[in-house]
Amino acid sequence: MAVAMEFYLLLSAAVFCIGLFGILVRSNALMFLMSVELMLNAANINLVAFSLAHGNLTGQVFALFLIGLAAAEVAVGIGIILVLNRNFDNIDVTDAVSMRW
């Protein structure tokens, strides 16, 4: 039994909305980074779902590239979080406002 396309899109929209809610509400840099990852994974779900619907592997290949891009983004994000922790002794993104000119 195949899963209908609407379920994939509904799952993707739900994951994207959870990520967007996390970005808008949280001020913790680690939660911010995890919320961005949720939004990227929602895009991956869409790519794979449309790939399955059209019967080719193009969307799945793009999803693999996006997973690699997300891994690089996490590496840079963890580096930024470590600098925030070293300079401010916490990872609250609102404290970084004092780093402006």
PDB file of N, CA and C in Angstrom:
ATOM      1  N   MET A   1       0.838  -1.179   0.000  1.00  0.00           N
ATOM      2  CA  MET A   1       0.000   0.000   0.000  1.00  0.00           C
ATOM      3  C   MET A   1       0.888   1.249   0.000  1.00  0.00           C
ATOM      4  N   ALA A   2       0.719   2.071  -0.966  1.00  0.00           N
ATOM      5  CA  ALA A   2       1.523   3.293  -1.092  1.00  0.00           C
ATOM      6  C   ALA A   2       0.900   4.424  -0.274  1.00  0.00           C
ATOM      7  N   VAL A   3       1.757   5.258   0.233  1.00  0.00           N
ATOM      8  CA  VAL A   3       1.316   6.415   1.005  1.00  0.00           C
ATOM      9  C   VAL A   3       1.011   7.549   0.033  1.00  0.00           C
ATOM     10  N   ALA A   4      -0.095   8.222   0.255  1.00  0.00           N
ATOM     11  CA  ALA A   4      -0.506   9.305  -0.640  1.00  0.00           C
ATOM     12  C   ALA A   4       0.435  10.505  -0.501  1.00  0.00           C
ATOM     13  N   MET A   5       0.549  11.259  -1.568  1.00  0.00           N
ATOM     14  CA  MET A   5       1.430  12.420  -1.614  1.00  0.00           C
ATOM     15  C   MET A   5       1.041  13.476  -0.570  1.00  0.00           C
ATOM     16  N   GLU A   6      -0.228  13.580  -0.280  1.00  0.00           N
ATOM     17  CA  GLU A   6      -0.699  14.594   0.668  1.00  0.00           C
ATOM     18  C   GLU A   6      -0.131  14.360   2.065  1.00  0.00           C
ATOM     19  N   PHE A   7       0.077  13.104   2.435  1.00  0.00           N
ATOM     20  CA  PHE A   7       0.625  12.814   3.760  1.00  0.00           C
ATOM     21  C   PHE A   7       2.079  13.279   3.868  1.00  0.00           C
ATOM     22  N   TYR A   8       2.857  13.078   2.810  1.00  0.00           N
ATOM     23  CA  TYR A   8       4.230  13.569   2.803  1.00  0.00           C
ATOM     24  C   TYR A   8       4.260  15.094   2.914  1.00  0.00           C
ATOM     25  N   LEU A   9       3.389  15.748   2.166  1.00  0.00           N
ATOM     26  CA  LEU A   9       3.355  17.206   2.195  1.00  0.00           C
ATOM     27  C   LEU A   9       2.867  17.733   3.538  1.00  0.00           C
ATOM     28  N   LEU A  10       1.909  17.029   4.143  1.00  0.00           N
ATOM     29  CA  LEU A  10       1.422  17.424   5.459  1.00  0.00           C
ATOM     30  C   LEU A  10       2.510  17.244   6.519  1.00  0.00           C
ATOM     31  N   LEU A  11       3.235  16.143   6.443  1.00  0.00           N
ATOM     32  CA  LEU A  11       4.347  15.920   7.364  1.00  0.00           C
ATOM     33  C   LEU A  11       5.422  16.987   7.190  1.00  0.00           C
ATOM     34  N   SER A  12       5.746  17.301   5.953  1.00  0.00           N
ATOM     35  CA  SER A  12       6.749  18.316   5.677  1.00  0.00           C
ATOM     36  C   SER A  12       6.312  19.687   6.192  1.00  0.00           C
ATOM     37  N   ALA A  13       5.054  20.027   5.991  1.00  0.00           N
ATOM     38  CA  ALA A  13       4.552  21.317   6.480  1.00  0.00           C
ATOM     39  C   ALA A  13       4.573  21.369   7.998  1.00  0.00           C
ATOM     40  N   ALA A  14       4.243  20.265   8.652  1.00  0.00           N
ATOM     41  CA  ALA A  14       4.259  20.229  10.112  1.00  0.00           C
ATOM     42  C   ALA A  14       5.680  20.376  10.646  1.00  0.00           C
ATOM     43  N   VAL A  15       6.631  19.678  10.049  1.00  0.00           N
ATOM     44  CA  VAL A  15       8.022  19.775  10.493  1.00  0.00           C
ATOM     45  C   VAL A  15       8.556  21.183  10.244  1.00  0.00           C
ATOM     46  N   PHE A  16       8.214  21.773   9.110  1.00  0.00           N
ATOM     47  CA  PHE A  16       8.655  23.141   8.815  1.00  0.00           C
ATOM     48  C   PHE A  16       8.062  24.126   9.817  1.00  0.00           C
ATOM     49  N   CYS A  17       6.789  23.978  10.150  1.00  0.00           N
ATOM     50  CA  CYS A  17       6.150  24.896  11.104  1.00  0.00           C
ATOM     51  C   CYS A  17       6.743  24.746  12.499  1.00  0.00           C
ATOM     52  N   ILE A  18       7.093  23.525  12.899  1.00  0.00           N
ATOM     53  CA  ILE A  18       7.742  23.324  14.194  1.00  0.00           C
ATOM     54  C   ILE A  18       9.102  24.022  14.203  1.00  0.00           C
ATOM     55  N   GLY A  19       9.855  23.911  13.117  1.00  0.00           N
ATOM     56  CA  GLY A  19      11.134  24.592  13.022  1.00  0.00           C
ATOM     57  C   GLY A  19      10.989  26.106  13.032  1.00  0.00           C
ATOM     58  N   LEU A  20      10.001  26.613  12.321  1.00  0.00           N
ATOM     59  CA  LEU A  20       9.765  28.051  12.294  1.00  0.00           C
ATOM     60  C   LEU A  20       9.349  28.562  13.664  1.00  0.00           C
ATOM     61  N   PHE A  21       8.522  27.803  14.357  1.00  0.00           N
ATOM     62  CA  PHE A  21       8.116  28.179  15.712  1.00  0.00           C
ATOM     63  C   PHE A  21       9.331  28.217  16.643  1.00  0.00           C
ATOM     64  N   GLY A  22      10.226  27.251  16.492  1.00  0.00           N
ATOM     65  CA  GLY A  22      11.424  27.228  17.316  1.00  0.00           C
ATOM     66  C   GLY A  22      12.331  28.415  17.061  1.00  0.00           C
ATOM     67  N   ILE A  23      12.420  28.850  15.819  1.00  0.00           N
ATOM     68  CA  ILE A  23      13.248  30.024  15.506  1.00  0.00           C
ATOM     69  C   ILE A  23      12.629  31.298  16.064  1.00  0.00           C
ATOM     70  N   LEU A  24      11.315  31.421  15.964  1.00  0.00           N
ATOM     71  CA  LEU A  24      10.657  32.651  16.392  1.00  0.00           C
ATOM     72  C   LEU A  24      10.552  32.776  17.905  1.00  0.00           C
ATOM     73  N   VAL A  25      10.503  31.658  18.624  1.00  0.00           N
ATOM     74  CA  VAL A  25      10.237  31.712  20.057  1.00  0.00           C
ATOM     75  C   VAL A  25      11.504  31.598  20.905  1.00  0.00           C
ATOM     76  N   ARG A  26      12.423  30.734  20.522  1.00  0.00           N
ATOM     77  CA  ARG A  26      13.590  30.452  21.364  1.00  0.00           C
ATOM     78  C   ARG A  26      14.696  31.478  21.155  1.00  0.00           C
ATOM     79  N   SER A  27      15.464  31.728  22.213  1.00  0.00           N
ATOM     80  CA  SER A  27      16.629  32.601  22.090  1.00  0.00           C
ATOM     81  C   SER A  27      17.923  31.829  22.345  1.00  0.00           C
ATOM     82  N   ASN A  28      17.823  30.542  22.595  1.00  0.00           N
ATOM     83  CA  ASN A  28      18.988  29.693  22.797  1.00  0.00           C
ATOM     84  C   ASN A  28      19.579  29.353  21.430  1.00  0.00           C
ATOM     85  N   ALA A  29      20.880  29.529  21.280  1.00  0.00           N
ATOM     86  CA  ALA A  29      21.515  29.333  19.980  1.00  0.00           C
ATOM     87  C   ALA A  29      21.456  27.875  19.536  1.00  0.00           C
ATOM     88  N   LEU A  30      21.537  26.947  20.467  1.00  0.00           N
ATOM     89  CA  LEU A  30      21.469  25.534  20.108  1.00  0.00           C
ATOM     90  C   LEU A  30      20.075  25.160  19.616  1.00  0.00           C
ATOM     91  N   MET A  31      19.047  25.677  20.256  1.00  0.00           N
ATOM     92  CA  MET A  31      17.678  25.433  19.793  1.00  0.00           C
ATOM     93  C   MET A  31      17.429  26.098  18.439  1.00  0.00           C
ATOM     94  N   PHE A  32      18.041  27.253  18.241  1.00  0.00           N
ATOM     95  CA  PHE A  32      17.951  27.946  16.962  1.00  0.00           C
ATOM     96  C   PHE A  32      18.541  27.087  15.847  1.00  0.00           C
ATOM     97  N   LEU A  33      19.701  26.495  16.118  1.00  0.00           N
ATOM     98  CA  LEU A  33      20.370  25.640  15.143  1.00  0.00           C
ATOM     99  C   LEU A  33      19.542  24.386  14.852  1.00  0.00           C
ATOM    100  N   MET A  34      18.961  23.795  15.877  1.00  0.00           N
ATOM    101  CA  MET A  34      18.131  22.602  15.673  1.00  0.00           C
ATOM    102  C   MET A  34      16.852  22.943  14.902  1.00  0.00           C
ATOM    103  N   SER A  35      16.323  24.131  15.116  1.00  0.00           N
ATOM    104  CA  SER A  35      15.130  24.546  14.378  1.00  0.00           C
ATOM    105  C   SER A  35      15.434  24.742  12.892  1.00  0.00           C
ATOM    106  N   VAL A  36      16.591  25.289  12.587  1.00  0.00           N
ATOM    107  CA  VAL A  36      16.998  25.434  11.185  1.00  0.00           C
ATOM    108  C   VAL A  36      17.157  24.060  10.541  1.00  0.00           C
ATOM    109  N   GLU A  37      17.701  23.111  11.299  1.00  0.00           N
ATOM    110  CA  GLU A  37      17.842  21.747  10.782  1.00  0.00           C
ATOM    111  C   GLU A  37      16.479  21.110  10.514  1.00  0.00           C
ATOM    112  N   LEU A  38      15.505  21.375  11.355  1.00  0.00           N
ATOM    113  CA  LEU A  38      14.156  20.867  11.107  1.00  0.00           C
ATOM    114  C   LEU A  38      13.589  21.436   9.811  1.00  0.00           C
ATOM    115  N   MET A  39      13.835  22.709   9.567  1.00  0.00           N
ATOM    116  CA  MET A  39      13.338  23.320   8.342  1.00  0.00           C
ATOM    117  C   MET A  39      14.031  22.737   7.112  1.00  0.00           C
ATOM    118  N   LEU A  40      15.328  22.453   7.212  1.00  0.00           N
ATOM    119  CA  LEU A  40      16.029  21.814   6.098  1.00  0.00           C
ATOM    120  C   LEU A  40      15.520  20.388   5.864  1.00  0.00           C
ATOM    121  N   ASN A  41      15.219  19.683   6.940  1.00  0.00           N
ATOM    122  CA  ASN A  41      14.679  18.333   6.792  1.00  0.00           C
ATOM    123  C   ASN A  41      13.281  18.344   6.180  1.00  0.00           C
ATOM    124  N   ALA A  42      12.516  19.383   6.430  1.00  0.00           N
ATOM    125  CA  ALA A  42      11.210  19.506   5.787  1.00  0.00           C
ATOM    126  C   ALA A  42      11.373  19.655   4.273  1.00  0.00           C
ATOM    127  N   ALA A  43      12.383  20.408   3.866  1.00  0.00           N
ATOM    128  CA  ALA A  43      12.660  20.524   2.434  1.00  0.00           C
ATOM    129  C   ALA A  43      13.095  19.187   1.855  1.00  0.00           C
ATOM    130  N   ASN A  44      13.873  18.418   2.622  1.00  0.00           N
ATOM    131  CA  ASN A  44      14.290  17.091   2.159  1.00  0.00           C
ATOM    132  C   ASN A  44      13.104  16.156   1.988  1.00  0.00           C
ATOM    133  N   ILE A  45      12.150  16.220   2.898  1.00  0.00           N
ATOM    134  CA  ILE A  45      10.948  15.385   2.783  1.00  0.00           C
ATOM    135  C   ILE A  45      10.195  15.732   1.509  1.00  0.00           C
ATOM    136  N   ASN A  46      10.090  17.026   1.217  1.00  0.00           N
ATOM    137  CA  ASN A  46       9.417  17.441  -0.022  1.00  0.00           C
ATOM    138  C   ASN A  46      10.146  16.935  -1.255  1.00  0.00           C
ATOM    139  N   LEU A  47      11.461  17.054  -1.265  1.00  0.00           N
ATOM    140  CA  LEU A  47      12.232  16.595  -2.421  1.00  0.00           C
ATOM    141  C   LEU A  47      12.051  15.100  -2.656  1.00  0.00           C
ATOM    142  N   VAL A  48      12.120  14.318  -1.590  1.00  0.00           N
ATOM    143  CA  VAL A  48      11.965  12.866  -1.727  1.00  0.00           C
ATOM    144  C   VAL A  48      10.540  12.519  -2.132  1.00  0.00           C
ATOM    145  N   ALA A  49       9.552  13.207  -1.587  1.00  0.00           N
ATOM    146  CA  ALA A  49       8.161  12.918  -1.933  1.00  0.00           C
ATOM    147  C   ALA A  49       7.891  13.206  -3.405  1.00  0.00           C
ATOM    148  N   PHE A  50       8.368  14.330  -3.910  1.00  0.00           N
ATOM    149  CA  PHE A  50       8.150  14.640  -5.316  1.00  0.00           C
ATOM    150  C   PHE A  50       8.951  13.718  -6.220  1.00  0.00           C
ATOM    151  N   SER A  51      10.109  13.273  -5.734  1.00  0.00           N
ATOM    152  CA  SER A  51      10.892  12.310  -6.491  1.00  0.00           C
ATOM    153  C   SER A  51      10.144  10.988  -6.618  1.00  0.00           C
ATOM    154  N   LEU A  52       9.527  10.550  -5.528  1.00  0.00           N
ATOM    155  CA  LEU A  52       8.751   9.302  -5.575  1.00  0.00           C
ATOM    156  C   LEU A  52       7.516   9.446  -6.461  1.00  0.00           C
ATOM    157  N   ALA A  53       6.914  10.623  -6.445  1.00  0.00           N
ATOM    158  CA  ALA A  53       5.697  10.829  -7.237  1.00  0.00           C
ATOM    159  C   ALA A  53       5.991  10.820  -8.731  1.00  0.00           C
ATOM    160  N   HIS A  54       7.153  11.324  -9.127  1.00  0.00           N
ATOM    161  CA  HIS A  54       7.476  11.392 -10.547  1.00  0.00           C
ATOM    162  C   HIS A  54       8.284  10.200 -11.031  1.00  0.00           C
ATOM    163  N   GLY A  55       8.707   9.341 -10.122  1.00  0.00           N
ATOM    164  CA  GLY A  55       9.374   8.112 -10.524  1.00  0.00           C
ATOM    165  C   GLY A  55      10.820   8.262 -10.942  1.00  0.00           C
ATOM    166  N   ASN A  56      11.478   9.333 -10.547  1.00  0.00           N
ATOM    167  CA  ASN A  56      12.905   9.474 -10.842  1.00  0.00           C
ATOM    168  C   ASN A  56      13.664   9.733  -9.553  1.00  0.00           C
ATOM    169  N   LEU A  57      14.971   9.749  -9.634  1.00  0.00           N
ATOM    170  CA  LEU A  57      15.799   9.891  -8.447  1.00  0.00           C
ATOM    171  C   LEU A  57      16.378  11.290  -8.261  1.00  0.00           C
ATOM    172  N   THR A  58      15.942  12.237  -9.037  1.00  0.00           N
ATOM    173  CA  THR A  58      16.505  13.581  -8.982  1.00  0.00           C
ATOM    174  C   THR A  58      16.312  14.223  -7.614  1.00  0.00           C
ATOM    175  N   GLY A  59      15.126  14.143  -7.070  1.00  0.00           N
ATOM    176  CA  GLY A  59      14.853  14.729  -5.757  1.00  0.00           C
ATOM    177  C   GLY A  59      15.644  14.069  -4.653  1.00  0.00           C
ATOM    178  N   GLN A  60      15.856  12.766  -4.769  1.00  0.00           N
ATOM    179  CA  GLN A  60      16.624  12.070  -3.746  1.00  0.00           C
ATOM    180  C   GLN A  60      18.100  12.459  -3.805  1.00  0.00           C
ATOM    181  N   VAL A  61      18.609  12.691  -4.991  1.00  0.00           N
ATOM    182  CA  VAL A  61      19.996  13.144  -5.127  1.00  0.00           C
ATOM    183  C   VAL A  61      20.141  14.553  -4.551  1.00  0.00           C
ATOM    184  N   PHE A  62      19.185  15.427  -4.834  1.00  0.00           N
ATOM    185  CA  PHE A  62      19.215  16.768  -4.250  1.00  0.00           C
ATOM    186  C   PHE A  62      19.127  16.701  -2.731  1.00  0.00           C
ATOM    187  N   ALA A  63      18.320  15.774  -2.210  1.00  0.00           N
ATOM    188  CA  ALA A  63      18.201  15.616  -0.759  1.00  0.00           C
ATOM    189  C   ALA A  63      19.527  15.182  -0.149  1.00  0.00           C
ATOM    190  N   LEU A  64      20.254  14.317  -0.840  1.00  0.00           N
ATOM    191  CA  LEU A  64      21.573  13.919  -0.343  1.00  0.00           C
ATOM    192  C   LEU A  64      22.539  15.094  -0.317  1.00  0.00           C
ATOM    193  N   PHE A  65      22.512  15.931  -1.338  1.00  0.00           N
ATOM    194  CA  PHE A  65      23.351  17.126  -1.332  1.00  0.00           C
ATOM    195  C   PHE A  65      22.952  18.072  -0.201  1.00  0.00           C
ATOM    196  N   LEU A  66      21.659  18.192   0.050  1.00  0.00           N
ATOM    197  CA  LEU A  66      21.198  19.055   1.140  1.00  0.00           C
ATOM    198  C   LEU A  66      21.604  18.510   2.499  1.00  0.00           C
ATOM    199  N   ILE A  67      21.653  17.195   2.652  1.00  0.00           N
ATOM    200  CA  ILE A  67      22.111  16.605   3.911  1.00  0.00           C
ATOM    201  C   ILE A  67      23.582  16.959   4.138  1.00  0.00           C
ATOM    202  N   GLY A  68      24.380  16.902   3.089  1.00  0.00           N
ATOM    203  CA  GLY A  68      25.785  17.311   3.202  1.00  0.00           C
ATOM    204  C   GLY A  68      25.924  18.786   3.528  1.00  0.00           C
ATOM    205  N   LEU A  69      25.093  19.612   2.903  1.00  0.00           N
ATOM    206  CA  LEU A  69      25.099  21.046   3.187  1.00  0.00           C
ATOM    207  C   LEU A  69      24.683  21.304   4.628  1.00  0.00           C
ATOM    208  N   ALA A  70      23.703  20.561   5.117  1.00  0.00           N
ATOM    209  CA  ALA A  70      23.252  20.724   6.501  1.00  0.00           C
ATOM    210  C   ALA A  70      24.345  20.320   7.482  1.00  0.00           C
ATOM    211  N   ALA A  71      25.127  19.306   7.143  1.00  0.00           N
ATOM    212  CA  ALA A  71      26.231  18.903   8.015  1.00  0.00           C
ATOM    213  C   ALA A  71      27.281  20.006   8.098  1.00  0.00           C
ATOM    214  N   ALA A  72      27.584  20.643   6.981  1.00  0.00           N
ATOM    215  CA  ALA A  72      28.531  21.762   6.994  1.00  0.00           C
ATOM    216  C   ALA A  72      27.967  22.939   7.779  1.00  0.00           C
ATOM    217  N   GLU A  73      26.684  23.172   7.647  1.00  0.00           N
ATOM    218  CA  GLU A  73      26.039  24.264   8.381  1.00  0.00           C
ATOM    219  C   GLU A  73      26.071  24.012   9.880  1.00  0.00           C
ATOM    220  N   VAL A  74      25.904  22.765  10.285  1.00  0.00           N
ATOM    221  CA  VAL A  74      25.975  22.429  11.710  1.00  0.00           C
ATOM    222  C   VAL A  74      27.383  22.642  12.239  1.00  0.00           C
ATOM    223  N   ALA A  75      28.389  22.294  11.452  1.00  0.00           N
ATOM    224  CA  ALA A  75      29.773  22.492  11.894  1.00  0.00           C
ATOM    225  C   ALA A  75      30.065  23.974  12.121  1.00  0.00           C
ATOM    226  N   VAL A  76      29.635  24.822  11.211  1.00  0.00           N
ATOM    227  CA  VAL A  76      29.841  26.262  11.375  1.00  0.00           C
ATOM    228  C   VAL A  76      29.011  26.788  12.543  1.00  0.00           C
ATOM    229  N   GLY A  77      27.778  26.307  12.674  1.00  0.00           N
ATOM    230  CA  GLY A  77      26.911  26.745  13.766  1.00  0.00           C
ATOM    231  C   GLY A  77      27.444  26.365  15.130  1.00  0.00           C
ATOM    232  N   ILE A  78      27.986  25.159  15.254  1.00  0.00           N
ATOM    233  CA  ILE A  78      28.565  24.746  16.532  1.00  0.00           C
ATOM    234  C   ILE A  78      29.779  25.609  16.859  1.00  0.00           C
ATOM    235  N   GLY A  79      30.549  25.982  15.847  1.00  0.00           N
ATOM    236  CA  GLY A  79      31.674  26.886  16.072  1.00  0.00           C
ATOM    237  C   GLY A  79      31.212  28.243  16.588  1.00  0.00           C
ATOM    238  N   ILE A  80      30.158  28.769  16.021  1.00  0.00           N
ATOM    239  CA  ILE A  80      29.617  30.053  16.482  1.00  0.00           C
ATOM    240  C   ILE A  80      29.088  29.933  17.899  1.00  0.00           C
ATOM    241  N   ILE A  81      28.433  28.815  18.201  1.00  0.00           N
ATOM    242  CA  ILE A  81      27.908  28.604  19.554  1.00  0.00           C
ATOM    243  C   ILE A  81      29.049  28.527  20.564  1.00  0.00           C
ATOM    244  N   LEU A  82      30.146  27.880  20.192  1.00  0.00           N
ATOM    245  CA  LEU A  82      31.295  27.806  21.096  1.00  0.00           C
ATOM    246  C   LEU A  82      31.894  29.191  21.355  1.00  0.00           C
ATOM    247  N   VAL A  83      31.941  30.038  20.326  1.00  0.00           N
ATOM    248  CA  VAL A  83      32.444  31.403  20.514  1.00  0.00           C
ATOM    249  C   VAL A  83      31.496  32.197  21.404  1.00  0.00           C
ATOM    250  N   LEU A  84      30.186  32.035  21.224  1.00  0.00           N
ATOM    251  CA  LEU A  84      29.217  32.706  22.097  1.00  0.00           C
ATOM    252  C   LEU A  84      29.405  32.263  23.545  1.00  0.00           C
ATOM    253  N   ASN A  85      29.585  30.979  23.737  1.00  0.00           N
ATOM    254  CA  ASN A  85      29.757  30.460  25.094  1.00  0.00           C
ATOM    255  C   ASN A  85      31.051  30.969  25.718  1.00  0.00           C
ATOM    256  N   ARG A  86      32.102  31.074  24.929  1.00  0.00           N
ATOM    257  CA  ARG A  86      33.383  31.545  25.454  1.00  0.00           C
ATOM    258  C   ARG A  86      33.319  33.028  25.809  1.00  0.00           C
ATOM    259  N   ASN A  87      32.640  33.830  24.990  1.00  0.00           N
ATOM    260  CA  ASN A  87      32.627  35.279  25.215  1.00  0.00           C
ATOM    261  C   ASN A  87      31.584  35.729  26.232  1.00  0.00           C
ATOM    262  N   PHE A  88      30.443  35.033  26.305  1.00  0.00           N
ATOM    263  CA  PHE A  88      29.343  35.504  27.151  1.00  0.00           C
ATOM    264  C   PHE A  88      28.956  34.534  28.259  1.00  0.00           C
ATOM    265  N   ASP A  89      29.593  33.386  28.339  1.00  0.00           N
ATOM    266  CA  ASP A  89      29.304  32.350  29.339  1.00  0.00           C
ATOM    267  C   ASP A  89      27.883  31.800  29.259  1.00  0.00           C
ATOM    268  N   ASN A  90      27.201  32.039  28.174  1.00  0.00           N
ATOM    269  CA  ASN A  90      25.923  31.397  27.870  1.00  0.00           C
ATOM    270  C   ASN A  90      25.731  31.422  26.362  1.00  0.00           C
ATOM    271  N   ILE A  91      24.689  30.747  25.883  1.00  0.00           N
ATOM    272  CA  ILE A  91      24.478  30.670  24.433  1.00  0.00           C
ATOM    273  C   ILE A  91      23.179  31.356  24.028  1.00  0.00           C
ATOM    274  N   ASP A  92      22.845  32.415  24.732  1.00  0.00           N
ATOM    275  CA  ASP A  92      21.664  33.206  24.399  1.00  0.00           C
ATOM    276  C   ASP A  92      22.015  34.149  23.253  1.00  0.00           C
ATOM    277  N   VAL A  93      21.253  34.093  22.165  1.00  0.00           N
ATOM    278  CA  VAL A  93      21.588  34.896  20.991  1.00  0.00           C
ATOM    279  C   VAL A  93      21.301  36.374  21.196  1.00  0.00           C
ATOM    280  N   THR A  94      20.493  36.725  22.184  1.00  0.00           N
ATOM    281  CA  THR A  94      20.216  38.137  22.421  1.00  0.00           C
ATOM    282  C   THR A  94      21.397  38.843  23.083  1.00  0.00           C
ATOM    283  N   ASP A  95      22.317  38.093  23.692  1.00  0.00           N
ATOM    284  CA  ASP A  95      23.503  38.714  24.287  1.00  0.00           C
ATOM    285  C   ASP A  95      24.508  39.148  23.239  1.00  0.00           C
ATOM    286  N   ALA A  96      24.449  38.582  22.061  1.00  0.00           N
ATOM    287  CA  ALA A  96      25.403  38.923  21.009  1.00  0.00           C
ATOM    288  C   ALA A  96      25.131  40.294  20.411  1.00  0.00           C
ATOM    289  N   VAL A  97      24.058  40.960  20.795  1.00  0.00           N
ATOM    290  CA  VAL A  97      23.753  42.304  20.309  1.00  0.00           C
ATOM    291  C   VAL A  97      24.838  43.278  20.783  1.00  0.00           C
ATOM    292  N   SER A  98      25.448  42.975  21.925  1.00  0.00           N
ATOM    293  CA  SER A  98      26.483  43.872  22.459  1.00  0.00           C
ATOM    294  C   SER A  98      27.769  43.790  21.634  1.00  0.00           C
ATOM    295  N   MET A  99      27.866  42.880  20.666  1.00  0.00           N
ATOM    296  CA  MET A  99      29.047  42.776  19.829  1.00  0.00           C
ATOM    297  C   MET A  99      29.000  43.742  18.657  1.00  0.00           C
ATOM    298  N   ARG A 100      27.899  44.480  18.520  1.00  0.00           N
ATOM    299  CA  ARG A 100      27.812  45.469  17.446  1.00  0.00           C
ATOM    300  C   ARG A 100      28.780  46.607  17.718  1.00  0.00           C
ATOM    301  N   TRP A 101      28.972  47.489  16.717  1.00  0.00           N
ATOM    302  CA  TRP A 101      29.893  48.591  16.866  1.00  0.00           C
ATOM    303  C   TRP A 101      29.394  49.471  17.948  1.00  0.00           C
TER     304      TRP A 101
END
